[in-house]
């Protein structure tokens, strides 16, 4: 098995929204904002090669939206999903599985592309994986979150016949405190968390003697490691706080590698105990393992 980092580009979001109640005078030290109060964020995906199976975890926001949409998010940098796949010798047609942590546009927008007036799967040979609870949540969104769930990113997946919903029956679960996991393959478990959005899925991969956890939006960046640093985008911030606290202690005790989807600077870290609490050790890349 091999793991590859796949960069789908960078974008900007309001720093205040990304750090919630934390004052700018504090978060600006780790994530400097521009003149519009916007901070730069990565869309860092993960590619898992295992025999004939090629699993892509998340896929950025894609490029099918109108110019007005992209003007809100300041796409920048030279990386695209296709160029990043090509660096590793792959094309979208090679992908056998697209694993979607959740269906917010910056995580699943690359799932669907425009071909003329049609919206079709960008990965024509892939099975797209979600789960029933999150799929229902995303396709009947609440008023606060519906701007993140764009129907053009989601509904064509089901219409294509390529959607598969992960089973979450009780016999498959292992439970550790408030955190629940289910097996996806013999080397990958799925951790379910509920504070950011309903039943977000975090891949937990056993690789070269390490456990690598793809953080998605439970911990968007190193700057979000302190417990009170919770995004305003989270639907249930107190749930996020509880999930973070439990996960961080487990990750410290078991020496997990945290792989950050949105941190524009830090790709991977392991955690250390400090006087201020659990924090990041020295950063490294997936290729360093």
Protein backbone atom coordinates (compact mmCIF):
# COMPACT_ATOMS: atom_id res chain seq x y z
CA UNK A 1 0.00 0.00 0.00
CA UNK A 2 1.16 3.53 -0.78
CA UNK A 3 -0.21 6.91 0.32
CA UNK A 4 0.12 10.12 -1.68
CA UNK A 5 -0.65 13.74 -0.87
CA UNK A 6 -2.86 15.32 -3.52
CA UNK A 7 -3.22 19.10 -3.48
CA UNK A 8 -6.43 20.46 -5.02
CA UNK A 9 -5.50 24.14 -4.65
CA UNK A 10 -5.76 26.87 -2.03
CA UNK A 11 -8.59 29.21 -1.15
CA UNK A 12 -9.42 31.88 1.41
CA UNK A 13 -11.98 32.11 4.19
CA UNK A 14 -12.66 34.78 6.80
CA UNK A 15 -10.33 34.30 9.75
CA UNK A 16 -12.98 35.22 12.29
CA UNK A 17 -15.33 32.57 10.94
CA UNK A 18 -12.55 29.99 11.05
CA UNK A 19 -11.70 30.65 14.70
CA UNK A 20 -15.08 31.46 16.22
CA UNK A 21 -14.89 33.20 19.58
CA UNK A 22 -11.09 33.47 19.61
CA UNK A 23 -9.96 37.11 19.12
CA UNK A 24 -8.05 38.03 15.98
CA UNK A 25 -5.18 39.34 18.09
CA UNK A 26 -4.57 35.71 19.09
CA UNK A 27 -5.36 33.62 15.97
CA UNK A 28 -3.62 36.07 13.65
CA UNK A 29 -0.28 34.95 15.11
CA UNK A 30 -0.60 31.45 13.68
CA UNK A 31 -2.79 32.22 10.66
CA UNK A 32 -2.02 35.75 9.43
CA UNK A 33 -4.93 37.44 7.67
CA UNK A 34 -4.76 39.67 4.60
CA UNK A 35 -6.23 43.19 4.36
CA UNK A 36 -9.71 41.69 3.98
CA UNK A 37 -9.39 39.53 7.10
CA UNK A 38 -9.06 36.43 4.90
CA UNK A 39 -6.70 33.55 5.67
CA UNK A 40 -5.30 31.07 3.16
CA UNK A 41 -6.32 27.42 3.44
CA UNK A 42 -5.31 24.26 1.61
CA UNK A 43 -7.54 21.65 0.04
CA UNK A 44 -5.21 18.72 0.71
CA UNK A 45 -6.62 15.38 -0.37
CA UNK A 46 -5.27 11.89 0.25
CA UNK A 47 -4.74 9.11 -2.29
CA UNK A 48 -4.50 5.49 -1.19
CA UNK A 49 -3.07 2.94 -3.63
CA UNK A 50 -3.68 -0.66 -2.65
CA UNK A 51 -3.34 -3.27 -5.38
CA UNK A 52 -6.03 -2.56 -7.97
CA UNK A 53 -7.81 -0.13 -5.68
CA UNK A 54 -7.13 3.62 -5.80
CA UNK A 55 -9.06 5.54 -3.13
CA UNK A 56 -9.26 9.35 -3.22
CA UNK A 57 -10.24 11.02 0.05
CA UNK A 58 -12.06 14.30 -0.69
CA UNK A 59 -11.45 16.31 -3.87
CA UNK A 60 -11.58 20.06 -3.23
CA UNK A 61 -14.15 22.45 -4.69
CA UNK A 62 -13.71 21.69 -8.39
CA UNK A 63 -13.88 24.26 -11.19
CA UNK A 64 -17.45 24.13 -12.54
CA UNK A 65 -18.91 27.07 -10.60
CA UNK A 66 -19.45 30.55 -12.00
CA UNK A 67 -16.89 33.34 -11.62
CA UNK A 68 -19.02 35.02 -8.94
CA UNK A 69 -18.76 31.92 -6.74
CA UNK A 70 -14.98 31.76 -6.98
CA UNK A 71 -14.71 35.50 -6.31
CA UNK A 72 -15.88 34.82 -2.75
CA UNK A 73 -13.18 32.22 -2.09
CA UNK A 74 -10.08 33.65 -3.80
CA UNK A 75 -8.70 30.47 -5.35
CA UNK A 76 -4.93 30.78 -5.66
CA UNK A 77 -1.79 28.77 -6.25
CA UNK A 78 -0.85 26.48 -9.12
CA UNK A 79 -2.18 23.19 -7.79
CA UNK A 80 -5.22 21.46 -9.23
CA UNK A 81 -6.57 18.00 -8.52
CA UNK A 82 -5.75 16.69 -12.00
CA UNK A 83 -2.21 18.11 -11.99
CA UNK A 84 -1.55 16.66 -8.54
CA UNK A 85 -2.82 13.22 -9.59
CA UNK A 86 -0.64 13.39 -12.69
CA UNK A 87 2.46 14.04 -10.55
CA UNK A 88 1.93 10.59 -9.08
CA UNK A 89 1.22 9.00 -12.45
CA UNK A 90 -2.58 8.83 -12.22
CA UNK A 91 -5.62 10.27 -13.98
CA UNK A 92 -9.21 10.72 -12.71
CA UNK A 93 -10.20 7.62 -14.69
CA UNK A 94 -7.85 5.53 -12.54
CA UNK A 95 -9.73 6.32 -9.31
CA UNK A 96 -11.79 3.34 -8.10
CA UNK A 97 -13.25 4.93 -4.94
CA UNK A 98 -14.02 8.51 -3.92
CA UNK A 99 -14.37 8.72 -0.16
CA UNK A 100 -16.16 11.90 0.94
CA UNK A 101 -15.61 12.94 4.54
CA UNK A 102 -18.67 15.18 4.19
CA UNK A 103 -20.50 17.06 1.47
CA UNK A 104 -19.50 20.69 2.03
CA UNK A 105 -18.46 22.22 -1.29
CA UNK A 106 -14.73 22.50 -0.48
CA UNK A 107 -14.57 18.76 0.17
CA UNK A 108 -16.75 17.32 -2.58
CA UNK A 109 -16.97 19.97 -5.33
CA UNK A 110 -14.47 18.11 -7.50
CA UNK A 111 -16.76 15.06 -7.57
CA UNK A 112 -18.81 16.44 -10.45
CA UNK A 113 -17.71 18.26 -13.59
CA UNK A 114 -19.50 20.07 -16.40
CA UNK A 115 -19.53 18.54 -19.87
CA UNK A 116 -21.44 21.00 -22.04
CA UNK A 117 -24.71 21.51 -20.20
CA UNK A 118 -24.47 18.21 -18.34
CA UNK A 119 -23.19 17.53 -14.84
CA UNK A 120 -21.35 14.21 -14.78
CA UNK A 121 -19.02 12.37 -12.38
CA UNK A 122 -15.42 13.55 -12.65
CA UNK A 123 -14.33 10.02 -11.72
CA UNK A 124 -16.24 7.88 -14.17
CA UNK A 125 -14.96 4.52 -12.89
CA UNK A 126 -15.28 5.24 -9.17
CA UNK A 127 -17.71 4.34 -6.43
CA UNK A 128 -18.56 7.44 -4.37
CA UNK A 129 -18.83 6.78 -0.62
CA UNK A 130 -20.96 8.68 1.90
CA UNK A 131 -23.25 7.48 4.70
CA UNK A 132 -27.03 7.51 4.95
CA UNK A 133 -27.35 9.96 7.84
CA UNK A 134 -25.02 12.54 6.31
CA UNK A 135 -26.49 12.12 2.82
CA UNK A 136 -29.97 12.87 4.18
CA UNK A 137 -28.60 15.82 6.17
CA UNK A 138 -26.92 17.28 3.08
CA UNK A 139 -29.81 16.77 0.65
CA UNK A 140 -32.38 18.30 3.03
CA UNK A 141 -30.15 20.99 4.54
CA UNK A 142 -30.95 23.35 7.38
CA UNK A 143 -31.10 27.07 6.62
CA UNK A 144 -27.76 27.79 8.29
CA UNK A 145 -25.76 25.15 6.45
CA UNK A 146 -27.44 25.00 3.04
CA UNK A 147 -24.95 27.41 1.45
CA UNK A 148 -22.30 24.76 1.99
CA UNK A 149 -24.34 21.91 0.48
CA UNK A 150 -24.61 22.68 -3.22
CA UNK A 151 -27.03 20.42 -5.08
CA UNK A 152 -24.89 20.46 -8.23
CA UNK A 153 -22.09 18.79 -6.25
CA UNK A 154 -24.29 16.17 -4.64
CA UNK A 155 -27.39 15.10 -6.57
CA UNK A 156 -25.56 14.09 -9.79
CA UNK A 157 -23.60 11.51 -7.77
CA UNK A 158 -26.79 9.67 -6.90
CA UNK A 159 -28.22 10.13 -10.40
CA UNK A 160 -25.11 8.53 -11.90
CA UNK A 161 -25.70 5.29 -9.99
CA UNK A 162 -22.17 5.51 -8.56
CA UNK A 163 -23.19 6.37 -4.98
CA UNK A 164 -22.71 3.81 -2.21
CA UNK A 165 -23.64 4.38 1.43
CA UNK A 166 -21.37 2.95 4.10
CA UNK A 167 -23.01 0.50 6.45
CA UNK A 168 -22.98 1.55 10.09
CA UNK A 169 -24.67 -1.41 11.74
CA UNK A 170 -23.94 -1.94 15.40
CA UNK A 171 -22.05 -5.21 14.81
CA UNK A 172 -19.30 -3.33 12.95
CA UNK A 173 -18.64 -0.66 15.54
CA UNK A 174 -15.94 -0.22 18.11
CA UNK A 175 -16.58 2.48 20.66
CA UNK A 176 -13.96 4.54 22.50
CA UNK A 177 -15.64 7.06 24.76
CA UNK A 178 -17.69 9.40 22.57
CA UNK A 179 -15.80 8.43 19.42
CA UNK A 180 -17.10 5.69 17.18
CA UNK A 181 -15.31 3.89 14.35
CA UNK A 182 -16.34 1.38 11.71
CA UNK A 183 -14.09 -0.74 9.48
CA UNK A 184 -13.92 0.25 5.79
CA UNK A 185 -10.99 -1.92 4.62
CA UNK A 186 -8.49 -4.12 6.46
CA UNK A 187 -6.15 -1.11 6.77
CA UNK A 188 -8.68 1.74 7.17
CA UNK A 189 -11.28 2.52 9.81
CA UNK A 190 -13.76 5.38 9.73
CA UNK A 191 -14.17 7.65 12.72
CA UNK A 192 -17.55 9.41 12.92
CA UNK A 193 -17.81 12.86 14.48
CA UNK A 194 -20.87 15.10 14.74
CA UNK A 195 -19.93 18.62 15.87
CA UNK A 196 -19.01 20.16 12.51
CA UNK A 197 -21.85 18.53 10.60
CA UNK A 198 -23.94 15.36 10.90
CA UNK A 199 -21.83 12.17 10.80
CA UNK A 200 -18.63 13.50 9.24
CA UNK A 201 -16.24 10.63 8.48
CA UNK A 202 -12.52 10.72 9.29
CA UNK A 203 -10.38 8.00 7.67
CA UNK A 204 -8.00 6.34 10.11
CA UNK A 205 -5.31 4.46 8.17
CA UNK A 206 -2.73 1.95 9.37
CA UNK A 207 0.45 2.61 7.38
CA UNK A 208 4.14 1.77 7.94
CA UNK A 209 3.59 1.13 11.63
CA UNK A 210 1.68 4.39 12.12
CA UNK A 211 -1.98 5.33 12.48
CA UNK A 212 -2.72 8.29 10.22
CA UNK A 213 -5.93 10.23 10.83
CA UNK A 214 -7.26 12.47 8.05
CA UNK A 215 -8.58 15.39 10.06
CA UNK A 216 -11.06 16.98 7.60
CA UNK A 217 -12.90 19.67 9.61
CA UNK A 218 -12.57 18.29 13.12
CA UNK A 219 -9.13 19.94 13.22
CA UNK A 220 -8.71 22.06 10.07
CA UNK A 221 -5.19 23.18 11.00
CA UNK A 222 -2.49 23.19 13.66
CA UNK A 223 -3.95 26.53 14.73
CA UNK A 224 -7.14 24.73 15.82
CA UNK A 225 -5.47 22.39 18.33
CA UNK A 226 -6.28 24.49 21.44
CA UNK A 227 -9.66 23.32 22.70
CA UNK A 228 -11.61 26.62 22.49
CA UNK A 229 -10.54 27.19 18.87
CA UNK A 230 -13.76 26.01 17.22
CA UNK A 231 -15.01 27.25 13.85
CA UNK A 232 -18.15 29.34 13.53
CA UNK A 233 -19.06 26.97 10.69
CA UNK A 234 -19.60 24.11 13.15
CA UNK A 235 -23.26 23.22 13.66
CA UNK A 236 -22.75 21.98 17.23
CA UNK A 237 -19.69 23.72 18.72
CA UNK A 238 -19.96 22.14 22.17
CA UNK A 239 -20.03 18.72 20.54
CA UNK A 240 -16.92 19.66 18.57
CA UNK A 241 -15.24 20.74 21.81
CA UNK A 242 -16.02 17.39 23.45
CA UNK A 243 -14.91 15.43 20.39
CA UNK A 244 -11.66 17.37 20.12
CA UNK A 245 -10.81 16.86 23.77
CA UNK A 246 -11.36 13.11 23.61
CA UNK A 247 -9.61 12.69 20.26
CA UNK A 248 -6.55 14.77 21.17
CA UNK A 249 -5.91 12.72 24.30
CA UNK A 250 -6.27 9.47 22.34
CA UNK A 251 -4.03 10.75 19.54
CA UNK A 252 -1.37 11.79 22.06
CA UNK A 253 -1.49 8.50 23.96
CA UNK A 254 -1.43 6.34 20.81
CA UNK A 255 1.00 8.53 18.86
CA UNK A 256 -1.29 9.08 15.88
CA UNK A 257 -0.13 11.05 12.86
CA UNK A 258 -2.55 13.90 12.12
CA UNK A 259 -2.91 14.70 8.40
CA UNK A 260 -4.38 18.19 7.89
CA UNK A 261 -6.69 18.89 4.98
CA UNK A 262 -6.82 22.68 5.35
CA UNK A 263 -3.54 23.76 6.95
CA UNK A 264 -1.69 25.68 4.22
CA UNK A 265 1.70 25.17 5.91
CA UNK A 266 1.64 22.01 8.01
CA UNK A 267 0.83 18.68 6.37
CA UNK A 268 1.38 16.20 9.21
CA UNK A 269 2.21 16.35 12.92
CA UNK A 270 2.31 14.14 15.96
CA UNK A 271 1.21 15.59 19.26
CA UNK A 272 3.16 16.50 22.38
CA UNK A 273 2.11 17.48 25.90
CA UNK A 274 3.01 21.04 26.91
CA UNK A 275 2.25 23.31 29.85
CA UNK A 276 -0.50 24.90 27.73
CA UNK A 277 -2.05 21.57 26.80
CA UNK A 278 -1.74 19.18 23.88
CA UNK A 279 0.04 20.83 20.97
CA UNK A 280 1.78 19.94 17.69
CA UNK A 281 5.27 18.58 17.56
CA UNK A 282 7.54 19.23 14.59
CA UNK A 283 5.68 19.19 11.27
CA UNK A 284 6.56 16.78 8.46
CA UNK A 285 5.11 15.47 5.22
CA UNK A 286 3.50 12.14 4.40
CA UNK A 287 6.49 11.35 2.17
CA UNK A 288 8.75 11.60 5.24
CA UNK A 289 7.18 8.52 6.86
